[in-house]
Amino acid sequence: MKLVKVSCLFEVHYGVNLDLNKLEEIPMDSPEAIPYVGRSEKNNGVTAYVQRLKDVTPNPPMTISVAGGGAVMSCFLQEHPYYSGRDLFYLKPKKEMSSQMLLYY
């Protein structure tokens, strides 16, 4: 097996860095709900659903969230736009990848 650097396959970005306690939590089935991904190792990293903010662009879908603290290196495929907390990075593929490929990496 040939090892490849992460930077060869993905762009590494720091997430939007929002504090959950400053956001309004709402039911996940609300039309304005957006997942909030933290550094948890449970529930695909989603710790809450919050009110979408008009002035904050969410992290893009089909990226891999990576905890840089807390449950360090917990990685999950995020298939929908999402907000993220402190010390959370995301990997954006440099070339289009299927969800199966992203899950593999």
PDB file of N, CA and C in Angstrom:
ATOM      1  N   MET A   1       0.839  -1.172   0.000  1.00  0.00           N
ATOM      2  CA  MET A   1       0.000   0.000   0.000  1.00  0.00           C
ATOM      3  C   MET A   1       0.889   1.241   0.000  1.00  0.00           C
ATOM      4  N   LYS A   2       0.585   2.163  -0.886  1.00  0.00           N
ATOM      5  CA  LYS A   2       1.346   3.407  -0.976  1.00  0.00           C
ATOM      6  C   LYS A   2       0.665   4.477  -0.123  1.00  0.00           C
ATOM      7  N   LEU A   3       1.409   5.105   0.763  1.00  0.00           N
ATOM      8  CA  LEU A   3       0.871   6.169   1.590  1.00  0.00           C
ATOM      9  C   LEU A   3       0.896   7.485   0.827  1.00  0.00           C
ATOM     10  N   VAL A   4      -0.130   8.286   1.046  1.00  0.00           N
ATOM     11  CA  VAL A   4      -0.262   9.575   0.370  1.00  0.00           C
ATOM     12  C   VAL A   4      -0.558  10.637   1.428  1.00  0.00           C
ATOM     13  N   LYS A   5       0.041  11.804   1.292  1.00  0.00           N
ATOM     14  CA  LYS A   5      -0.229  12.887   2.226  1.00  0.00           C
ATOM     15  C   LYS A   5      -1.669  13.363   2.068  1.00  0.00           C
ATOM     16  N   VAL A   6      -2.277  13.740   3.167  1.00  0.00           N
ATOM     17  CA  VAL A   6      -3.642  14.265   3.141  1.00  0.00           C
ATOM     18  C   VAL A   6      -3.727  15.444   2.176  1.00  0.00           C
ATOM     19  N   SER A   7      -2.712  16.292   2.170  1.00  0.00           N
ATOM     20  CA  SER A   7      -2.723  17.494   1.333  1.00  0.00           C
ATOM     21  C   SER A   7      -2.702  17.186  -0.166  1.00  0.00           C
ATOM     22  N   CYS A   8      -2.381  15.953  -0.538  1.00  0.00           N
ATOM     23  CA  CYS A   8      -2.431  15.571  -1.960  1.00  0.00           C
ATOM     24  C   CYS A   8      -3.875  15.340  -2.409  1.00  0.00           C
ATOM     25  N   LEU A   9      -4.733  14.938  -1.488  1.00  0.00           N
ATOM     26  CA  LEU A   9      -6.112  14.606  -1.820  1.00  0.00           C
ATOM     27  C   LEU A   9      -7.124  15.667  -1.388  1.00  0.00           C
ATOM     28  N   PHE A  10      -6.785  16.414  -0.329  1.00  0.00           N
ATOM     29  CA  PHE A  10      -7.746  17.334   0.272  1.00  0.00           C
ATOM     30  C   PHE A  10      -7.139  18.704   0.542  1.00  0.00           C
ATOM     31  N   GLU A  11      -8.015  19.711   0.508  1.00  0.00           N
ATOM     32  CA  GLU A  11      -7.668  21.028   1.036  1.00  0.00           C
ATOM     33  C   GLU A  11      -8.065  20.986   2.511  1.00  0.00           C
ATOM     34  N   VAL A  12      -7.182  21.441   3.386  1.00  0.00           N
ATOM     35  CA  VAL A  12      -7.469  21.452   4.817  1.00  0.00           C
ATOM     36  C   VAL A  12      -7.912  22.856   5.207  1.00  0.00           C
ATOM     37  N   HIS A  13      -9.098  22.967   5.818  1.00  0.00           N
ATOM     38  CA  HIS A  13      -9.665  24.260   6.215  1.00  0.00           C
ATOM     39  C   HIS A  13     -10.037  24.232   7.687  1.00  0.00           C
ATOM     40  N   TYR A  14      -9.961  25.393   8.323  1.00  0.00           N
ATOM     41  CA  TYR A  14     -10.484  25.537   9.682  1.00  0.00           C
ATOM     42  C   TYR A  14     -11.959  25.873   9.558  1.00  0.00           C
ATOM     43  N   GLY A  15     -12.797  25.256  10.370  1.00  0.00           N
ATOM     44  CA  GLY A  15     -14.247  25.462  10.296  1.00  0.00           C
ATOM     45  C   GLY A  15     -14.661  26.871  10.688  1.00  0.00           C
ATOM     46  N   VAL A  16     -15.980  27.108  10.719  1.00  0.00           N
ATOM     47  CA  VAL A  16     -16.504  28.458  10.967  1.00  0.00           C
ATOM     48  C   VAL A  16     -16.331  28.929  12.406  1.00  0.00           C
ATOM     49  N   ASN A  17     -16.005  28.045  13.355  1.00  0.00           N
ATOM     50  CA  ASN A  17     -15.630  28.423  14.715  1.00  0.00           C
ATOM     51  C   ASN A  17     -16.716  29.207  15.451  1.00  0.00           C
ATOM     52  N   LEU A  18     -17.891  28.620  15.595  1.00  0.00           N
ATOM     53  CA  LEU A  18     -18.996  29.252  16.324  1.00  0.00           C
ATOM     54  C   LEU A  18     -19.152  28.605  17.698  1.00  0.00           C
ATOM     55  N   ASP A  19     -19.574  29.402  18.675  1.00  0.00           N
ATOM     56  CA  ASP A  19     -19.846  28.888  20.017  1.00  0.00           C
ATOM     57  C   ASP A  19     -21.304  28.455  20.101  1.00  0.00           C
ATOM     58  N   LEU A  20     -21.532  27.207  20.460  1.00  0.00           N
ATOM     59  CA  LEU A  20     -22.887  26.678  20.541  1.00  0.00           C
ATOM     60  C   LEU A  20     -23.739  27.466  21.535  1.00  0.00           C
ATOM     61  N   ASN A  21     -23.147  27.893  22.639  1.00  0.00           N
ATOM     62  CA  ASN A  21     -23.932  28.603  23.653  1.00  0.00           C
ATOM     63  C   ASN A  21     -24.383  29.997  23.202  1.00  0.00           C
ATOM     64  N   LYS A  22     -23.885  30.461  22.058  1.00  0.00           N
ATOM     65  CA  LYS A  22     -24.303  31.756  21.513  1.00  0.00           C
ATOM     66  C   LYS A  22     -25.287  31.597  20.350  1.00  0.00           C
ATOM     67  N   LEU A  23     -25.649  30.349  20.043  1.00  0.00           N
ATOM     68  CA  LEU A  23     -26.571  30.058  18.953  1.00  0.00           C
ATOM     69  C   LEU A  23     -27.909  29.594  19.516  1.00  0.00           C
ATOM     70  N   GLU A  24     -28.943  29.719  18.705  1.00  0.00           N
ATOM     71  CA  GLU A  24     -30.271  29.268  19.126  1.00  0.00           C
ATOM     72  C   GLU A  24     -30.498  27.841  18.645  1.00  0.00           C
ATOM     73  N   GLU A  25     -30.655  26.919  19.600  1.00  0.00           N
ATOM     74  CA  GLU A  25     -30.950  25.532  19.243  1.00  0.00           C
ATOM     75  C   GLU A  25     -32.415  25.424  18.864  1.00  0.00           C
ATOM     76  N   ILE A  26     -32.682  24.698  17.751  1.00  0.00           N
ATOM     77  CA  ILE A  26     -34.049  24.511  17.266  1.00  0.00           C
ATOM     78  C   ILE A  26     -34.220  23.049  16.859  1.00  0.00           C
ATOM     79  N   PRO A  27     -35.469  22.604  16.688  1.00  0.00           N
ATOM     80  CA  PRO A  27     -35.699  21.213  16.281  1.00  0.00           C
ATOM     81  C   PRO A  27     -35.061  20.924  14.908  1.00  0.00           C
ATOM     82  N   MET A  28     -34.565  19.710  14.767  1.00  0.00           N
ATOM     83  CA  MET A  28     -33.867  19.344  13.528  1.00  0.00           C
ATOM     84  C   MET A  28     -34.772  19.360  12.300  1.00  0.00           C
ATOM     85  N   ASP A  29     -36.076  19.249  12.481  1.00  0.00           N
ATOM     86  CA  ASP A  29     -36.987  19.252  11.336  1.00  0.00           C
ATOM     87  C   ASP A  29     -37.458  20.657  10.945  1.00  0.00           C
ATOM     88  N   SER A  30     -36.960  21.666  11.626  1.00  0.00           N
ATOM     89  CA  SER A  30     -37.294  23.046  11.275  1.00  0.00           C
ATOM     90  C   SER A  30     -36.623  23.406   9.948  1.00  0.00           C
ATOM     91  N   PRO A  31     -37.307  24.159   9.067  1.00  0.00           N
ATOM     92  CA  PRO A  31     -36.709  24.518   7.778  1.00  0.00           C
ATOM     93  C   PRO A  31     -35.446  25.379   7.903  1.00  0.00           C
ATOM     94  N   GLU A  32     -35.275  26.057   9.031  1.00  0.00           N
ATOM     95  CA  GLU A  32     -34.095  26.907   9.235  1.00  0.00           C
ATOM     96  C   GLU A  32     -32.999  26.214  10.034  1.00  0.00           C
ATOM     97  N   ALA A  33     -33.166  24.922  10.320  1.00  0.00           N
ATOM     98  CA  ALA A  33     -32.191  24.184  11.127  1.00  0.00           C
ATOM     99  C   ALA A  33     -30.973  23.806  10.290  1.00  0.00           C
ATOM    100  N   ILE A  34     -29.831  23.912  10.921  1.00  0.00           N
ATOM    101  CA  ILE A  34     -28.582  23.474  10.303  1.00  0.00           C
ATOM    102  C   ILE A  34     -27.804  22.696  11.360  1.00  0.00           C
ATOM    103  N   PRO A  35     -27.162  21.585  10.981  1.00  0.00           N
ATOM    104  CA  PRO A  35     -26.405  20.812  11.970  1.00  0.00           C
ATOM    105  C   PRO A  35     -25.231  21.623  12.518  1.00  0.00           C
ATOM    106  N   TYR A  36     -24.983  21.441  13.810  1.00  0.00           N
ATOM    107  CA  TYR A  36     -23.817  22.020  14.464  1.00  0.00           C
ATOM    108  C   TYR A  36     -22.904  20.857  14.813  1.00  0.00           C
ATOM    109  N   VAL A  37     -21.719  20.835  14.226  1.00  0.00           N
ATOM    110  CA  VAL A  37     -20.770  19.751  14.432  1.00  0.00           C
ATOM    111  C   VAL A  37     -19.697  20.218  15.415  1.00  0.00           C
ATOM    112  N   GLY A  38     -19.552  19.462  16.482  1.00  0.00           N
ATOM    113  CA  GLY A  38     -18.539  19.752  17.484  1.00  0.00           C
ATOM    114  C   GLY A  38     -17.447  18.704  17.460  1.00  0.00           C
ATOM    115  N   ARG A  39     -16.711  18.624  18.544  1.00  0.00           N
ATOM    116  CA  ARG A  39     -15.591  17.684  18.617  1.00  0.00           C
ATOM    117  C   ARG A  39     -15.989  16.358  19.242  1.00  0.00           C
ATOM    118  N   SER A  40     -17.261  16.045  19.164  1.00  0.00           N
ATOM    119  CA  SER A  40     -17.778  14.807  19.742  1.00  0.00           C
ATOM    120  C   SER A  40     -17.430  13.612  18.863  1.00  0.00           C
ATOM    121  N   GLU A  41     -17.301  12.471  19.504  1.00  0.00           N
ATOM    122  CA  GLU A  41     -17.067  11.242  18.740  1.00  0.00           C
ATOM    123  C   GLU A  41     -18.361  10.489  18.503  1.00  0.00           C
ATOM    124  N   LYS A  42     -19.481  11.083  18.907  1.00  0.00           N
ATOM    125  CA  LYS A  42     -20.787  10.436  18.770  1.00  0.00           C
ATOM    126  C   LYS A  42     -21.667  11.175  17.770  1.00  0.00           C
ATOM    127  N   ASN A  43     -22.670  10.480  17.238  1.00  0.00           N
ATOM    128  CA  ASN A  43     -23.691  11.069  16.371  1.00  0.00           C
ATOM    129  C   ASN A  43     -23.098  11.817  15.174  1.00  0.00           C
ATOM    130  N   ASN A  44     -22.059  11.241  14.587  1.00  0.00           N
ATOM    131  CA  ASN A  44     -21.410  11.839  13.412  1.00  0.00           C
ATOM    132  C   ASN A  44     -20.842  13.229  13.723  1.00  0.00           C
ATOM    133  N   GLY A  45     -20.590  13.486  15.009  1.00  0.00           N
ATOM    134  CA  GLY A  45     -20.057  14.781  15.422  1.00  0.00           C
ATOM    135  C   GLY A  45     -21.121  15.851  15.623  1.00  0.00           C
ATOM    136  N   VAL A  46     -22.364  15.556  15.226  1.00  0.00           N
ATOM    137  CA  VAL A  46     -23.445  16.546  15.348  1.00  0.00           C
ATOM    138  C   VAL A  46     -23.878  16.602  16.809  1.00  0.00           C
ATOM    139  N   THR A  47     -23.746  17.782  17.412  1.00  0.00           N
ATOM    140  CA  THR A  47     -24.105  17.937  18.823  1.00  0.00           C
ATOM    141  C   THR A  47     -25.412  18.697  19.001  1.00  0.00           C
ATOM    142  N   ALA A  48     -25.897  19.366  17.940  1.00  0.00           N
ATOM    143  CA  ALA A  48     -27.152  20.125  18.034  1.00  0.00           C
ATOM    144  C   ALA A  48     -27.583  20.534  16.629  1.00  0.00           C
ATOM    145  N   TYR A  49     -28.816  21.023  16.549  1.00  0.00           N
ATOM    146  CA  TYR A  49     -29.309  21.692  15.345  1.00  0.00           C
ATOM    147  C   TYR A  49     -29.616  23.120  15.759  1.00  0.00           C
ATOM    148  N   VAL A  50     -29.141  24.066  14.966  1.00  0.00           N
ATOM    149  CA  VAL A  50     -29.252  25.474  15.345  1.00  0.00           C
ATOM    150  C   VAL A  50     -29.905  26.287  14.235  1.00  0.00           C
ATOM    151  N   GLN A  51     -30.350  27.480  14.606  1.00  0.00           N
ATOM    152  CA  GLN A  51     -30.932  28.435  13.663  1.00  0.00           C
ATOM    153  C   GLN A  51     -29.857  28.902  12.689  1.00  0.00           C
ATOM    154  N   ARG A  52     -30.143  28.825  11.398  1.00  0.00           N
ATOM    155  CA  ARG A  52     -29.204  29.295  10.373  1.00  0.00           C
ATOM    156  C   ARG A  52     -29.032  30.805  10.519  1.00  0.00           C
ATOM    157  N   LEU A  53     -27.791  31.269  10.401  1.00  0.00           N
ATOM    158  CA  LEU A  53     -27.470  32.694  10.491  1.00  0.00           C
ATOM    159  C   LEU A  53     -27.301  33.262   9.083  1.00  0.00           C
ATOM    160  N   LYS A  54     -27.904  34.411   8.836  1.00  0.00           N
ATOM    161  CA  LYS A  54     -27.847  35.005   7.496  1.00  0.00           C
ATOM    162  C   LYS A  54     -26.448  35.461   7.109  1.00  0.00           C
ATOM    163  N   ASP A  55     -25.648  35.861   8.082  1.00  0.00           N
ATOM    164  CA  ASP A  55     -24.336  36.426   7.784  1.00  0.00           C
ATOM    165  C   ASP A  55     -23.173  35.435   7.951  1.00  0.00           C
ATOM    166  N   VAL A  56     -23.473  34.149   8.156  1.00  0.00           N
ATOM    167  CA  VAL A  56     -22.416  33.145   8.329  1.00  0.00           C
ATOM    168  C   VAL A  56     -22.584  32.047   7.282  1.00  0.00           C
ATOM    169  N   THR A  57     -21.571  31.885   6.457  1.00  0.00           N
ATOM    170  CA  THR A  57     -21.575  30.826   5.445  1.00  0.00           C
ATOM    171  C   THR A  57     -21.171  29.517   6.118  1.00  0.00           C
ATOM    172  N   PRO A  58     -21.996  28.489   5.999  1.00  0.00           N
ATOM    173  CA  PRO A  58     -21.652  27.207   6.642  1.00  0.00           C
ATOM    174  C   PRO A  58     -20.502  26.498   5.929  1.00  0.00           C
ATOM    175  N   ASN A  59     -19.950  25.521   6.610  1.00  0.00           N
ATOM    176  CA  ASN A  59     -18.965  24.648   5.968  1.00  0.00           C
ATOM    177  C   ASN A  59     -19.689  23.896   4.858  1.00  0.00           C
ATOM    178  N   PRO A  60     -18.980  23.600   3.764  1.00  0.00           N
ATOM    179  CA  PRO A  60     -19.648  22.956   2.626  1.00  0.00           C
ATOM    180  C   PRO A  60     -19.990  21.492   2.877  1.00  0.00           C
ATOM    181  N   PRO A  61     -21.007  20.990   2.167  1.00  0.00           N
ATOM    182  CA  PRO A  61     -21.339  19.567   2.267  1.00  0.00           C
ATOM    183  C   PRO A  61     -20.293  18.711   1.569  1.00  0.00           C
ATOM    184  N   MET A  62     -20.378  17.428   1.813  1.00  0.00           N
ATOM    185  CA  MET A  62     -19.463  16.437   1.228  1.00  0.00           C
ATOM    186  C   MET A  62     -18.009  16.749   1.586  1.00  0.00           C
ATOM    187  N   THR A  63     -17.824  17.102   2.850  1.00  0.00           N
ATOM    188  CA  THR A  63     -16.496  17.304   3.408  1.00  0.00           C
ATOM    189  C   THR A  63     -16.359  16.410   4.636  1.00  0.00           C
ATOM    190  N   ILE A  64     -15.145  16.220   5.079  1.00  0.00           N
ATOM    191  CA  ILE A  64     -14.877  15.387   6.253  1.00  0.00           C
ATOM    192  C   ILE A  64     -14.525  16.298   7.416  1.00  0.00           C
ATOM    193  N   SER A  65     -15.330  16.243   8.480  1.00  0.00           N
ATOM    194  CA  SER A  65     -15.021  17.030   9.676  1.00  0.00           C
ATOM    195  C   SER A  65     -13.974  16.279  10.492  1.00  0.00           C
ATOM    196  N   VAL A  66     -13.021  17.040  11.052  1.00  0.00           N
ATOM    197  CA  VAL A  66     -11.925  16.447  11.820  1.00  0.00           C
ATOM    198  C   VAL A  66     -11.761  17.226  13.121  1.00  0.00           C
ATOM    199  N   ALA A  67     -11.896  16.538  14.247  1.00  0.00           N
ATOM    200  CA  ALA A  67     -11.728  17.184  15.543  1.00  0.00           C
ATOM    201  C   ALA A  67     -10.249  17.421  15.809  1.00  0.00           C
ATOM    202  N   GLY A  68      -9.908  18.673  16.108  1.00  0.00           N
ATOM    203  CA  GLY A  68      -8.530  19.023  16.457  1.00  0.00           C
ATOM    204  C   GLY A  68      -8.336  19.096  17.964  1.00  0.00           C
ATOM    205  N   GLY A  69      -9.376  18.826  18.731  1.00  0.00           N
ATOM    206  CA  GLY A  69      -9.343  18.831  20.194  1.00  0.00           C
ATOM    207  C   GLY A  69     -10.493  17.964  20.662  1.00  0.00           C
ATOM    208  N   GLY A  70     -10.641  17.803  21.961  1.00  0.00           N
ATOM    209  CA  GLY A  70     -11.732  16.956  22.469  1.00  0.00           C
ATOM    210  C   GLY A  70     -11.487  15.513  22.067  1.00  0.00           C
ATOM    211  N   ALA A  71     -12.381  14.955  21.270  1.00  0.00           N
ATOM    212  CA  ALA A  71     -12.201  13.593  20.737  1.00  0.00           C
ATOM    213  C   ALA A  71     -11.282  13.704  19.519  1.00  0.00           C
ATOM    214  N   VAL A  72     -10.012  13.969  19.791  1.00  0.00           N
ATOM    215  CA  VAL A  72      -9.028  14.298  18.749  1.00  0.00           C
ATOM    216  C   VAL A  72      -9.039  13.280  17.621  1.00  0.00           C
ATOM    217  N   MET A  73      -9.048  13.812  16.410  1.00  0.00           N
ATOM    218  CA  MET A  73      -8.999  13.057  15.161  1.00  0.00           C
ATOM    219  C   MET A  73     -10.261  12.250  14.890  1.00  0.00           C
ATOM    220  N   SER A  74     -11.344  12.527  15.597  1.00  0.00           N
ATOM    221  CA  SER A  74     -12.627  11.929  15.211  1.00  0.00           C
ATOM    222  C   SER A  74     -13.015  12.548  13.876  1.00  0.00           C
ATOM    223  N   CYS A  75     -13.239  11.718  12.879  1.00  0.00           N
ATOM    224  CA  CYS A  75     -13.499  12.189  11.519  1.00  0.00           C
ATOM    225  C   CYS A  75     -14.833  11.626  11.035  1.00  0.00           C
ATOM    226  N   PHE A  76     -15.627  12.513  10.426  1.00  0.00           N
ATOM    227  CA  PHE A  76     -16.935  12.090   9.932  1.00  0.00           C
ATOM    228  C   PHE A  76     -17.243  12.774   8.613  1.00  0.00           C
ATOM    229  N   LEU A  77     -17.906  12.049   7.732  1.00  0.00           N
ATOM    230  CA  LEU A  77     -18.391  12.631   6.488  1.00  0.00           C
ATOM    231  C   LEU A  77     -19.629  13.465   6.801  1.00  0.00           C
ATOM    232  N   GLN A  78     -19.619  14.716   6.381  1.00  0.00           N
ATOM    233  CA  GLN A  78     -20.769  15.609   6.542  1.00  0.00           C
ATOM    234  C   GLN A  78     -21.378  15.806   5.160  1.00  0.00           C
ATOM    235  N   GLU A  79     -22.572  15.276   4.963  1.00  0.00           N
ATOM    236  CA  GLU A  79     -23.203  15.312   3.640  1.00  0.00           C
ATOM    237  C   GLU A  79     -24.057  16.551   3.403  1.00  0.00           C
ATOM    238  N   HIS A  80     -24.235  17.362   4.435  1.00  0.00           N
ATOM    239  CA  HIS A  80     -25.051  18.580   4.330  1.00  0.00           C
ATOM    240  C   HIS A  80     -24.237  19.769   4.833  1.00  0.00           C
ATOM    241  N   PRO A  81     -24.594  20.992   4.418  1.00  0.00           N
ATOM    242  CA  PRO A  81     -23.914  22.170   4.985  1.00  0.00           C
ATOM    243  C   PRO A  81     -24.060  22.144   6.507  1.00  0.00           C
ATOM    244  N   TYR A  82     -23.051  22.652   7.209  1.00  0.00           N
ATOM    245  CA  TYR A  82     -23.064  22.590   8.676  1.00  0.00           C
ATOM    246  C   TYR A  82     -22.206  23.703   9.273  1.00  0.00           C
ATOM    247  N   TYR A  83     -22.535  24.046  10.489  1.00  0.00           N
ATOM    248  CA  TYR A  83     -21.699  24.943  11.273  1.00  0.00           C
ATOM    249  C   TYR A  83     -20.788  24.085  12.141  1.00  0.00           C
ATOM    250  N   SER A  84     -19.696  24.674  12.572  1.00  0.00           N
ATOM    251  CA  SER A  84     -18.768  23.927  13.414  1.00  0.00           C
ATOM    252  C   SER A  84     -18.263  24.796  14.557  1.00  0.00           C
ATOM    253  N   GLY A  85     -17.783  24.108  15.569  1.00  0.00           N
ATOM    254  CA  GLY A  85     -17.264  24.766  16.758  1.00  0.00           C
ATOM    255  C   GLY A  85     -15.759  24.924  16.715  1.00  0.00           C
ATOM    256  N   ARG A  86     -15.226  25.254  17.873  1.00  0.00           N
ATOM    257  CA  ARG A  86     -13.792  25.501  18.029  1.00  0.00           C
ATOM    258  C   ARG A  86     -12.980  24.237  17.783  1.00  0.00           C
ATOM    259  N   ASP A  87     -11.796  24.423  17.218  1.00  0.00           N
ATOM    260  CA  ASP A  87     -10.845  23.332  16.967  1.00  0.00           C
ATOM    261  C   ASP A  87     -11.424  22.234  16.094  1.00  0.00           C
ATOM    262  N   LEU A  88     -12.217  22.629  15.106  1.00  0.00           N
ATOM    263  CA  LEU A  88     -12.744  21.660  14.160  1.00  0.00           C
ATOM    264  C   LEU A  88     -12.294  22.059  12.754  1.00  0.00           C
ATOM    265  N   PHE A  89     -11.675  21.139  12.081  1.00  0.00           N
ATOM    266  CA  PHE A  89     -11.209  21.345  10.715  1.00  0.00           C
ATOM    267  C   PHE A  89     -12.114  20.560   9.775  1.00  0.00           C
ATOM    268  N   TYR A  90     -12.026  20.887   8.488  1.00  0.00           N
ATOM    269  CA  TYR A  90     -12.707  20.038   7.513  1.00  0.00           C
ATOM    270  C   TYR A  90     -11.809  19.834   6.307  1.00  0.00           C
ATOM    271  N   LEU A  91     -11.957  18.667   5.709  1.00  0.00           N
ATOM    272  CA  LEU A  91     -11.194  18.280   4.525  1.00  0.00           C
ATOM    273  C   LEU A  91     -12.107  18.364   3.319  1.00  0.00           C
ATOM    274  N   LYS A  92     -11.719  19.176   2.374  1.00  0.00           N
ATOM    275  CA  LYS A  92     -12.486  19.329   1.137  1.00  0.00           C
ATOM    276  C   LYS A  92     -11.704  18.635   0.022  1.00  0.00           C
ATOM    277  N   PRO A  93     -12.317  17.667  -0.652  1.00  0.00           N
ATOM    278  CA  PRO A  93     -11.576  16.930  -1.687  1.00  0.00           C
ATOM    279  C   PRO A  93     -11.148  17.852  -2.841  1.00  0.00           C
ATOM    280  N   LYS A  94      -9.938  17.654  -3.309  1.00  0.00           N
ATOM    281  CA  LYS A  94      -9.427  18.449  -4.431  1.00  0.00           C
ATOM    282  C   LYS A  94     -10.076  18.037  -5.745  1.00  0.00           C
ATOM    283  N   LYS A  95     -10.478  16.767  -5.829  1.00  0.00           N
ATOM    284  CA  LYS A  95     -11.212  16.262  -6.985  1.00  0.00           C
ATOM    285  C   LYS A  95     -12.508  15.673  -6.474  1.00  0.00           C
ATOM    286  N   GLU A  96     -13.517  15.640  -7.324  1.00  0.00           N
ATOM    287  CA  GLU A  96     -14.804  15.092  -6.896  1.00  0.00           C
ATOM    288  C   GLU A  96     -14.649  13.654  -6.436  1.00  0.00           C
ATOM    289  N   MET A  97     -15.259  13.348  -5.283  1.00  0.00           N
ATOM    290  CA  MET A  97     -15.228  11.994  -4.730  1.00  0.00           C
ATOM    291  C   MET A  97     -16.641  11.595  -4.330  1.00  0.00           C
ATOM    292  N   SER A  98     -16.944  10.336  -4.503  1.00  0.00           N
ATOM    293  CA  SER A  98     -18.248   9.820  -4.067  1.00  0.00           C
ATOM    294  C   SER A  98     -18.267   9.727  -2.538  1.00  0.00           C
ATOM    295  N   SER A  99     -19.444   9.554  -1.983  1.00  0.00           N
ATOM    296  CA  SER A  99     -19.532   9.410  -0.528  1.00  0.00           C
ATOM    297  C   SER A  99     -18.791   8.147  -0.064  1.00  0.00           C
ATOM    298  N   GLN A 100     -18.792   7.099  -0.874  1.00  0.00           N
ATOM    299  CA  GLN A 100     -18.067   5.876  -0.515  1.00  0.00           C
ATOM    300  C   GLN A 100     -16.553   6.139  -0.448  1.00  0.00           C
ATOM    301  N   MET A 101     -16.043   6.925  -1.390  1.00  0.00           N
ATOM    302  CA  MET A 101     -14.621   7.252  -1.376  1.00  0.00           C
ATOM    303  C   MET A 101     -14.270   8.110  -0.160  1.00  0.00           C
ATOM    304  N   LEU A 102     -15.113   9.086   0.133  1.00  0.00           N
ATOM    305  CA  LEU A 102     -14.870   9.949   1.286  1.00  0.00           C
ATOM    306  C   LEU A 102     -14.907   9.150   2.578  1.00  0.00           C
ATOM    307  N   LEU A 103     -15.840   8.207   2.694  1.00  0.00           N
ATOM    308  CA  LEU A 103     -15.897   7.369   3.888  1.00  0.00           C
ATOM    309  C   LEU A 103     -14.643   6.496   4.018  1.00  0.00           C
ATOM    310  N   TYR A 104     -14.112   6.037   2.903  1.00  0.00           N
ATOM    311  CA  TYR A 104     -12.904   5.246   2.931  1.00  0.00           C
ATOM    312  C   TYR A 104     -11.747   6.049   3.520  1.00  0.00           C
ATOM    313  N   TYR A 105     -11.579   7.269   3.032  1.00  0.00           N
ATOM    314  CA  TYR A 105     -10.489   8.119   3.532  1.00  0.00           C
ATOM    315  C   TYR A 105     -10.745   8.555   4.947  1.00  0.00           C
TER     316      TYR A 105
END
